[in-house]
Protein backbone atom coordinates (compact mmCIF):
# COMPACT_ATOMS: atom_id res chain seq x y z
CA MET A 1 -15.57 6.14 35.14
CA ALA A 2 -16.16 9.40 33.50
CA ASN A 3 -17.94 8.94 30.12
CA ALA A 4 -18.90 5.33 30.60
CA SER A 5 -22.54 5.93 29.84
CA ALA A 6 -21.85 8.60 27.05
CA ALA A 7 -22.81 7.21 23.41
CA LEU A 8 -19.99 6.25 21.40
CA ASP A 9 -18.98 8.75 18.68
CA HIS A 10 -18.99 5.65 16.26
CA ALA A 11 -21.49 3.31 17.50
CA ASP A 12 -21.51 1.24 14.38
CA ASP A 13 -17.85 0.41 14.50
CA PRO A 14 -17.07 -3.46 14.35
CA SER A 15 -16.16 -4.50 17.79
CA ILE A 16 -13.00 -6.44 18.84
CA GLN A 17 -14.84 -9.70 18.20
CA ASP A 18 -16.11 -8.68 14.80
CA LEU A 19 -12.53 -7.20 13.72
CA LEU A 20 -11.20 -10.55 14.43
CA ALA A 21 -14.00 -12.72 12.79
CA LEU A 22 -12.57 -11.09 9.31
CA ARG A 23 -9.21 -11.70 10.23
CA PRO A 24 -8.63 -15.35 11.02
CA TRP A 25 -5.14 -15.25 11.41
CA LEU A 26 -5.42 -13.26 14.66
CA LYS A 27 -7.18 -15.03 17.33
CA TYR A 28 -7.00 -15.04 21.14
CA ASP A 29 -5.50 -17.75 23.67
CA VAL A 30 -6.60 -17.67 27.17
CA VAL A 31 -3.24 -17.55 28.67
CA ASP A 32 -1.06 -16.14 25.78
CA GLY A 33 -3.36 -13.32 24.54
CA LEU A 34 -3.79 -12.20 20.82
CA LEU A 35 -1.84 -14.85 18.55
CA MET A 36 -0.75 -13.92 14.91
CA ASP A 37 -0.81 -17.52 13.22
CA GLY A 38 -0.14 -19.21 16.49
CA VAL A 39 2.75 -16.87 17.87
CA PRO A 40 1.81 -14.90 20.90
CA LEU A 41 2.32 -11.00 20.15
CA ALA A 42 2.64 -10.37 23.92
CA ALA A 43 6.11 -12.38 23.62
CA ILE A 44 7.16 -10.07 20.46
CA ALA A 45 6.23 -7.13 22.64
CA ARG A 46 8.18 -7.99 25.70
CA GLN A 47 11.44 -9.11 23.40
CA ALA A 48 11.62 -6.60 20.85
CA GLY A 49 9.88 -3.78 22.72
CA THR A 50 7.15 -1.54 21.26
CA PRO A 51 6.28 0.12 18.93
CA THR A 52 7.27 -2.73 16.65
CA TRP A 53 5.47 -3.77 13.11
CA VAL A 54 4.72 -7.37 12.98
CA THR A 55 4.04 -9.03 9.59
CA SER A 56 2.63 -12.20 8.60
CA ALA A 57 4.33 -14.11 5.94
CA ALA A 58 1.43 -16.73 5.57
CA VAL A 59 -1.22 -14.00 4.97
CA LEU A 60 1.30 -12.45 2.57
CA ARG A 61 1.68 -15.66 0.50
CA GLY A 62 -2.02 -16.40 0.81
CA ARG A 63 -2.95 -12.99 -0.84
CA CYS A 64 -0.36 -13.32 -3.44
CA ARG A 65 -1.85 -16.81 -4.22
CA ALA A 66 -5.48 -15.66 -4.22
CA LEU A 67 -4.91 -12.68 -6.67
CA ALA A 68 -2.76 -14.93 -9.23
CA ASP A 69 -5.73 -17.36 -9.07
CA ALA A 70 -8.47 -14.89 -9.71
CA LEU A 71 -6.53 -13.36 -12.82
CA ALA A 72 -5.74 -16.98 -14.22
CA ALA A 73 -9.44 -17.98 -13.55
CA THR A 74 -10.00 -15.35 -16.31
CA GLY A 75 -8.12 -16.98 -19.11
CA LEU A 76 -6.38 -13.82 -19.78
CA ASP A 77 -2.79 -13.39 -20.33
CA ALA A 78 -2.06 -11.63 -16.97
CA GLY A 79 0.78 -10.41 -14.88
CA ILE A 80 1.10 -8.78 -11.16
CA HIS A 81 3.48 -6.07 -10.45
CA TYR A 82 3.51 -5.48 -6.70
CA ALA A 83 3.29 -1.71 -5.96
CA VAL A 84 6.59 -1.48 -3.93
CA LYS A 85 5.47 1.94 -2.54
CA ALA A 86 3.02 0.41 -0.17
CA ASN A 87 5.71 -1.73 1.72
CA ASP A 88 9.23 -1.73 0.59
CA GLY A 89 10.75 -3.99 3.43
CA ARG A 90 13.25 -6.32 2.21
CA ALA A 91 11.64 -9.66 3.50
CA VAL A 92 8.37 -8.35 1.75
CA LEU A 93 10.26 -7.91 -1.74
CA ASP A 94 11.83 -11.31 -1.28
CA LEU A 95 8.55 -12.88 -0.66
CA MET A 96 6.67 -11.29 -3.49
CA ARG A 97 10.01 -12.36 -5.95
CA ARG A 98 9.58 -15.91 -4.51
CA GLU A 99 5.82 -15.73 -5.48
CA GLY A 100 6.52 -14.60 -9.15
CA LEU A 101 5.46 -11.06 -8.55
CA GLY A 102 7.14 -8.34 -10.65
CA ALA A 103 7.26 -4.72 -9.26
CA ASP A 104 5.84 -1.52 -9.87
CA VAL A 105 8.33 1.26 -8.77
CA VAL A 106 8.10 5.06 -8.65
CA SER A 107 11.58 6.18 -7.58
CA GLY A 108 15.11 5.32 -8.50
CA GLY A 109 15.49 4.15 -4.75
CA GLU A 110 12.57 1.79 -5.12
CA LEU A 111 14.07 0.31 -8.53
CA ARG A 112 17.40 -0.21 -6.89
CA LYS A 113 15.66 -2.07 -3.86
CA ALA A 114 13.80 -4.10 -5.93
CA LEU A 115 16.56 -5.11 -8.01
CA ALA A 116 18.51 -5.84 -4.92
CA ALA A 117 15.88 -7.83 -3.79
CA GLY A 118 16.38 -10.18 -6.97
CA MET A 119 13.38 -9.18 -8.89
CA PRO A 120 14.38 -9.23 -12.93
CA ALA A 121 14.50 -5.91 -14.59
CA ALA A 122 12.18 -7.13 -17.04
CA ASP A 123 9.73 -7.70 -14.69
CA VAL A 124 9.75 -4.25 -13.37
CA VAL A 125 7.26 -1.27 -14.56
CA TYR A 126 8.48 2.27 -13.84
CA SER A 127 5.63 4.60 -13.00
CA GLY A 128 5.64 8.16 -11.18
CA VAL A 129 4.79 11.73 -12.24
CA GLY A 130 8.20 13.18 -11.80
CA LYS A 131 11.07 10.61 -12.85
CA SER A 132 14.37 12.71 -12.95
CA ALA A 133 17.07 12.42 -15.91
CA ALA A 134 18.99 10.52 -13.68
CA GLU A 135 16.32 7.91 -12.65
CA LEU A 136 15.32 7.66 -16.27
CA ARG A 137 19.07 6.74 -17.23
CA LEU A 138 18.77 4.28 -14.42
CA ALA A 139 16.07 2.66 -15.70
CA LEU A 140 17.02 2.40 -19.30
CA ALA A 141 20.50 1.29 -18.16
CA SER A 142 18.89 -1.57 -16.16
CA GLU A 143 16.59 -2.59 -19.01
CA VAL A 144 13.25 -2.46 -17.00
CA GLY A 145 10.21 -4.29 -18.92
CA GLN A 146 8.10 -0.96 -19.06
CA ILE A 147 8.30 2.65 -18.30
CA ASN A 148 5.01 4.23 -17.67
CA VAL A 149 4.99 7.58 -19.30
CA GLU A 150 2.86 10.46 -17.53
CA SER A 151 3.35 13.29 -20.24
CA ALA A 152 4.51 14.32 -23.49
CA GLU A 153 7.41 16.53 -21.72
CA GLU A 154 8.55 12.83 -20.08
CA LEU A 155 8.57 11.40 -23.27
CA ALA A 156 10.54 13.78 -24.92
CA MET A 157 13.11 13.23 -22.00
CA ILE A 158 12.99 9.15 -22.44
CA ALA A 159 13.72 9.53 -26.21
CA ALA A 160 16.83 11.45 -25.62
CA ILE A 161 18.16 9.75 -23.01
CA ALA A 162 17.68 6.51 -24.77
CA SER A 163 19.09 7.86 -27.86
CA GLU A 164 22.14 8.93 -25.61
CA LEU A 165 22.39 5.65 -24.22
CA GLY A 166 21.90 3.72 -27.49
CA VAL A 167 19.01 1.64 -26.11
CA THR A 168 15.63 1.26 -26.78
CA ALA A 169 12.73 2.47 -24.18
CA ARG A 170 9.83 0.13 -23.71
CA ILE A 171 6.83 2.52 -23.04
CA ALA A 172 3.35 2.61 -22.25
CA LEU A 173 1.24 5.67 -22.08
CA ARG A 174 -0.49 6.23 -18.77
CA VAL A 175 -3.77 7.44 -19.66
CA ASN A 176 -6.22 9.77 -17.08
CA PRO A 177 -9.67 8.59 -17.86
CA ASP A 178 -11.03 11.48 -15.89
CA VAL A 179 -12.61 8.81 -13.73
CA ASP A 180 -13.61 9.68 -10.13
CA ALA A 181 -12.47 6.61 -8.12
CA GLU A 182 -14.92 7.56 -5.12
CA THR A 183 -12.10 7.50 -2.62
CA ASN A 184 -10.34 9.83 -0.42
CA ASP A 185 -9.43 12.88 -2.32
CA LYS A 186 -5.81 12.66 -1.64
CA ILE A 187 -5.45 9.27 -2.99
CA SER A 188 -7.63 10.06 -6.04
CA THR A 189 -5.12 9.94 -9.23
CA GLY A 190 -7.65 9.40 -12.20
CA ARG A 191 -9.74 12.96 -12.33
CA ALA A 192 -8.70 15.56 -14.88
CA ARG A 193 -7.61 17.70 -12.40
CA ASP A 194 -5.04 15.10 -10.82
CA LYS A 195 -1.38 15.80 -11.57
CA PHE A 196 -1.08 12.17 -12.89
CA GLY A 197 -1.14 10.70 -16.26
CA ILE A 198 -1.92 12.06 -19.99
CA ALA A 199 -5.30 13.82 -20.69
CA TYR A 200 -7.58 10.92 -22.38
CA GLN A 201 -8.27 13.31 -25.47
CA ASP A 202 -4.45 13.59 -26.13
CA ALA A 203 -3.64 9.94 -25.84
CA VAL A 204 -3.95 8.93 -29.20
CA ALA A 205 -2.00 11.64 -30.96
CA LEU A 206 0.76 11.01 -28.29
CA TYR A 207 0.88 7.44 -28.99
CA ARG A 208 0.95 7.92 -32.69
CA HIS A 209 4.08 10.40 -32.04
CA ALA A 210 5.73 8.05 -29.83
CA ALA A 211 5.54 5.41 -32.42
CA THR A 212 7.68 7.65 -34.80
CA LEU A 213 10.50 8.07 -32.52
CA PRO A 214 13.71 5.99 -33.23
CA HIS A 215 14.69 4.83 -29.70
CA VAL A 216 10.94 4.49 -28.34
CA GLN A 217 9.00 1.26 -28.58
CA PRO A 218 5.56 1.87 -27.53
CA VAL A 219 3.71 -1.10 -26.13
CA GLY A 220 0.64 -0.24 -24.53
CA LEU A 221 -1.30 1.75 -22.45
CA ALA A 222 -1.75 2.13 -18.59
CA THR A 223 -3.91 3.59 -16.21
CA HIS A 224 -4.61 3.99 -12.26
CA ILE A 225 -7.28 6.12 -10.70
CA GLY A 226 -6.71 5.85 -7.31
CA SER A 227 -6.26 3.79 -3.89
CA GLN A 228 -8.61 2.12 -1.40
CA ILE A 229 -11.36 1.74 -4.04
CA THR A 230 -14.26 -0.04 -2.45
CA GLY A 231 -16.41 -0.66 -5.55
CA LEU A 232 -16.00 -1.76 -9.02
CA ALA A 233 -18.18 0.90 -11.02
CA PRO A 234 -14.97 3.35 -11.05
CA PHE A 235 -12.73 0.47 -12.38
CA ARG A 236 -15.34 -0.38 -15.04
CA ALA A 237 -15.52 3.12 -16.30
CA ALA A 238 -12.01 3.62 -16.28
CA PHE A 239 -11.49 0.22 -18.32
CA ASP A 240 -14.31 0.75 -20.66
CA ARG A 241 -12.77 4.05 -21.65
CA LEU A 242 -9.20 2.50 -22.26
CA SER A 243 -10.87 -0.14 -24.30
CA THR A 244 -12.28 2.49 -26.59
CA LEU A 245 -8.67 3.82 -26.71
CA ILE A 246 -7.17 0.54 -27.89
CA VAL A 247 -9.44 0.13 -30.52
CA ALA A 248 -8.64 3.70 -31.66
CA LEU A 249 -5.07 3.09 -31.92
CA ARG A 250 -5.12 -0.24 -34.02
CA THR A 251 -7.76 1.46 -36.31
CA GLU A 252 -4.55 3.65 -37.19
CA GLY A 253 -2.32 0.64 -37.49
CA LEU A 254 -0.64 0.95 -34.13
CA ARG A 255 0.44 -2.09 -32.08
CA VAL A 256 -1.04 -2.17 -28.66
CA ALA A 257 0.03 -5.34 -26.80
CA VAL A 258 -0.09 -4.41 -23.15
CA MET A 259 -2.80 -2.90 -20.90
CA ASP A 260 -1.79 -2.00 -17.55
CA CYS A 261 -4.57 -1.88 -15.25
CA GLY A 262 -3.08 -0.19 -12.20
CA GLY A 263 -3.97 -0.78 -8.65
CA GLY A 264 -6.45 0.52 -6.00
CA LEU A 265 -8.36 -2.49 -5.03
CA GLY A 266 -9.50 -1.66 -1.21
CA ILE A 267 -9.36 -3.59 1.89
CA PRO A 268 -11.95 -3.65 4.81
CA TYR A 269 -10.21 -1.72 7.54
CA ARG A 270 -13.81 -0.94 9.16
CA ASN A 271 -15.30 -4.66 8.00
CA GLU A 272 -17.00 -2.54 5.21
CA PRO A 273 -17.99 -4.38 1.82
CA VAL A 274 -15.17 -4.40 -0.62
CA PRO A 275 -14.51 -6.03 -4.04
CA THR A 276 -12.78 -9.19 -4.33
CA PRO A 277 -9.86 -10.08 -6.65
CA ALA A 278 -12.37 -12.34 -8.77
CA GLY A 279 -14.80 -9.39 -8.94
CA LEU A 280 -11.98 -7.29 -10.30
CA ALA A 281 -10.69 -9.74 -12.60
CA ALA A 282 -14.07 -9.95 -14.08
CA VAL A 283 -14.21 -6.41 -14.46
CA ILE A 284 -10.97 -6.51 -16.24
CA LYS A 285 -12.12 -9.65 -18.60
CA GLY A 286 -15.30 -7.77 -19.42
CA ALA A 287 -13.44 -4.85 -20.69
CA PHE A 288 -10.33 -6.48 -22.57
CA HIS A 289 -11.24 -10.12 -23.07
CA ASN A 290 -11.54 -9.58 -26.87
CA LEU A 291 -8.53 -7.42 -27.45
CA ASP A 292 -5.87 -9.66 -27.37
CA VAL A 293 -3.56 -7.64 -25.05
CA ARG A 294 -1.47 -8.87 -22.00
CA VAL A 295 -3.03 -7.12 -19.15
CA ALA A 296 -1.25 -6.38 -16.01
CA VAL A 297 -2.12 -5.23 -12.46
CA GLU A 298 -0.09 -3.19 -10.03
CA PRO A 299 -1.95 -4.10 -6.28
CA GLY A 300 -0.05 -2.72 -3.27
CA ARG A 301 -2.39 -1.99 -0.36
CA TRP A 302 -4.59 -5.26 -1.06
CA LEU A 303 -1.73 -7.51 -1.04
CA VAL A 304 0.08 -6.21 1.98
CA GLY A 305 -2.31 -4.07 4.00
CA PRO A 306 -3.79 -6.94 6.45
CA THR A 307 -0.55 -8.64 6.87
CA SER A 308 0.44 -6.55 9.63
CA VAL A 309 0.06 -5.00 12.96
CA LEU A 310 1.53 -2.20 14.76
CA LEU A 311 2.20 -3.10 18.58
CA ALA A 312 2.13 -0.44 20.81
CA SER A 313 2.10 -0.19 24.57
CA VAL A 314 0.10 2.47 26.97
CA ILE A 315 2.22 4.88 28.50
CA LEU A 316 -0.65 6.10 30.47
CA VAL A 317 -4.17 7.03 30.44
CA LYS A 318 -5.28 10.52 31.08
CA GLN A 319 -8.79 11.15 32.09
CA THR A 320 -10.41 14.50 31.61
CA PRO A 321 -13.94 15.77 32.00
CA ALA A 322 -14.61 15.15 28.41
CA THR A 323 -12.40 12.29 27.33
CA ARG A 324 -10.59 9.29 28.27
CA PHE A 325 -7.15 9.55 26.36
CA ILE A 326 -5.21 6.52 25.99
CA VAL A 327 -1.62 7.62 25.26
CA LEU A 328 0.46 5.06 23.36
CA ASP A 329 4.43 4.92 22.61
CA ALA A 330 3.67 4.59 19.11
CA ALA A 331 2.91 8.09 17.22
CA MET A 332 1.94 9.70 14.04
CA ASN A 333 5.41 9.32 13.06
CA ASP A 334 5.29 5.47 13.06
CA LEU A 335 1.52 5.42 11.27
CA ALA A 336 0.64 8.62 9.69
CA ARG A 337 -2.35 7.68 7.85
CA PRO A 338 -5.01 8.73 10.74
CA ALA A 339 -3.27 11.81 10.68
CA MET A 340 -2.60 12.36 7.02
CA TYR A 341 -6.07 10.72 5.66
CA ASP A 342 -8.16 10.62 8.82
CA ALA A 343 -7.93 6.61 8.13
CA TRP A 344 -9.60 4.18 10.40
CA HIS A 345 -7.51 1.43 11.58
CA GLY A 346 -8.71 -1.46 14.12
CA ILE A 347 -7.19 -1.11 17.80
CA VAL A 348 -7.53 -4.29 19.92
CA PRO A 349 -5.97 -5.28 23.32
CA VAL A 350 -3.07 -8.05 23.13
CA SER A 351 -4.24 -9.40 26.37
CA ALA A 352 -7.31 -11.78 26.28
CA ALA A 353 -8.39 -10.57 29.58
CA ASP A 354 -8.37 -6.79 28.59
CA ALA A 355 -10.31 -7.86 25.65
CA ALA A 356 -13.14 -9.56 27.57
CA ARG A 357 -13.84 -6.62 29.88
CA PRO A 358 -16.78 -3.78 29.06
CA VAL A 359 -15.65 -1.08 26.64
CA PHE A 360 -15.93 2.53 27.07
CA PRO A 361 -15.50 5.34 24.79
CA ALA A 362 -11.87 6.67 24.26
CA THR A 363 -9.55 8.69 22.25
CA VAL A 364 -6.39 6.98 21.34
CA VAL A 365 -3.43 9.11 20.85
CA GLY A 366 0.44 9.26 20.44
CA PRO A 367 3.23 11.36 22.33
CA VAL A 368 4.04 13.55 19.51
CA CYS A 369 3.42 17.38 20.14
CA GLU A 370 0.66 17.43 17.34
CA SER A 371 -3.03 17.50 17.91
CA SER A 372 -3.14 15.41 14.75
CA ASP A 373 -1.16 12.63 16.49
CA THR A 374 -4.41 10.92 16.96
CA PHE A 375 -5.33 7.05 16.08
CA ALA A 376 -8.78 7.16 16.90
CA ARG A 377 -11.88 9.16 18.88
CA GLY A 378 -14.73 7.76 20.71
CA ARG A 379 -13.13 4.35 20.05
CA ALA A 380 -14.87 1.52 22.05
CA LEU A 381 -12.28 -0.10 23.92
CA PRO A 382 -11.86 -1.75 27.57
CA PRO A 383 -9.97 -0.02 30.23
CA LEU A 384 -6.19 -0.51 29.79
CA GLY A 385 -3.45 -0.08 32.30
CA GLN A 386 -0.11 1.36 31.80
CA ASP A 387 2.24 -0.99 29.85
CA ALA A 388 -0.97 -2.79 28.43
CA VAL A 389 -0.14 -3.69 24.58
CA VAL A 390 -2.49 -2.98 21.98
CA ALA A 391 -2.38 -4.06 18.40
CA ILE A 392 -3.25 -1.54 15.77
CA LEU A 393 -4.73 -3.70 12.71
CA ASP A 394 -4.35 -3.54 8.76
CA ALA A 395 -1.19 -1.57 9.35
CA GLY A 396 1.13 -3.27 6.30
CA ALA A 397 0.42 -0.79 3.61
CA TYR A 398 1.84 2.67 3.76
CA GLY A 399 2.61 2.16 7.60
CA ARG A 400 6.48 1.56 8.02
CA VAL A 401 7.19 2.91 4.65
CA MET A 402 5.91 6.18 5.63
CA SER A 403 7.64 6.38 9.10
CA SER A 404 9.65 9.18 10.08
CA THR A 405 11.79 10.42 12.87
CA TYR A 406 9.77 13.53 13.83
CA ASN A 407 10.31 14.46 17.49
CA ALA A 408 13.64 12.67 17.44
CA ARG A 409 11.63 9.46 17.74
CA PRO A 410 13.66 6.40 16.11
CA LEU A 411 12.03 4.13 13.57
CA ALA A 412 10.27 0.90 15.01
CA ALA A 413 11.67 -2.55 14.99
CA GLU A 414 10.26 -4.88 12.61
CA ALA A 415 9.23 -8.69 13.17
CA TRP A 416 8.23 -11.50 10.72
CA VAL A 417 6.03 -14.41 11.79
CA ASP A 418 6.32 -17.62 9.51
CA GLY A 419 5.50 -21.32 10.64
CA GLY A 420 4.75 -20.57 14.01
CA HIS A 421 8.26 -18.93 14.85
CA TRP A 422 9.08 -15.26 14.78
CA CYS A 423 12.33 -13.27 14.04
CA LEU A 424 13.32 -9.72 13.74
CA THR A 425 13.98 -8.15 10.52
CA ARG A 426 14.79 -4.74 11.44
CA GLU A 427 16.53 -3.90 14.72
CA ARG A 428 14.99 -0.82 16.46
CA GLN A 429 16.93 2.23 15.35
CA THR A 430 19.23 4.01 17.93
CA ILE A 431 18.87 7.54 19.16
CA GLU A 432 22.71 7.86 17.94
CA ALA A 433 21.54 6.85 14.69
CA LEU A 434 19.44 9.95 14.23
CA TRP A 435 22.20 12.00 14.08
CA ASP A 436 24.55 9.81 12.41
CA GLY A 437 25.75 11.59 9.13
CA GLU A 438 25.07 15.15 10.46
CA ARG A 439 28.17 17.32 10.53
CA LEU A 440 28.75 21.06 12.37
CA PRO A 441 29.63 23.67 10.10
CA THR A 442 33.14 24.40 9.55
């Protein structure tokens, strides 16, 4: 085989065995192949086809409870608002509601979906840098628990709409602490040059102004510095700056009851060391334990990322003098993260026999007509034949929710695994549905 003796581009990547060791809900059976919570993924692929998203309800429940327990152990008054943007599947939102989580939404659509899932409006935080007037009316009419204000201009919009509706807007100022989260540039949100939040030096004056507005009730502060953060130092720096602001506001006699700490806790896609919920909770306690505030977190990726895989089948293996290309039926329109962020996802065969074979470097790609439609380069994988099924790991966050129908590719099916059984939670989109709603010009 060409390239069999070539050095891998990423010789330090975790092996298939290493990846599964850190994900105990995934394990091989000699006959049935890769299991998720005891359910053969090969059986799901045969019956549902590929590509298909598969989510473990047990893993999701466990992560909700682990985070809640870590916060409870601090002794702080704390709440969790799930960041709906990470995965807005109805089954996911329903489970979150049953576990007692609220929602963090960033659009009118997400707000409507969270409310439709049964989440109480009082447990919804509305974030986002560009809320339209229509969206703000919806939020205020729905009586959401908190609106995180991103700018002086947005505060003026909220005040005017609240006056028009005759309601009181409960708001928190989202402060940009000018802290580098040391993550991918495209998902860093707490630096002065980023579009998010109110400049740190302007926060006290704007909070003071908000307190004078007749239909606005400032309840506290919020911050969010980025996503996939793999160290605690950026959180510590941001929270230290926010605690100083709380003291400054109270010195002026202003009420600060809530500190919304945002999200951003990373997960080990590549088995890299990442902070635990207990570690993050300790940092939050260190910053705010003596300030008598209700703290809140807005996790997304940490809760849902590891809960799902994307099943895909091999269309063909293309051998060139330089590279072995494994072409899958999943593509960048299904999972955009590798193309958008150069993100790393584990890829493992579903067949136990395939997983036991020697590995060789391969480039894993999809069929979309873009060179960026690449899931991995120089990845150590065994020989895979046509129709072999692979699982792309840690695909629960920013996977199905960012999917598109580019190249006229229908949205993938979705399956739910719980208690040793599985069911479809979304049928595969039909080809005809791609043009449903289109009309020819008259």
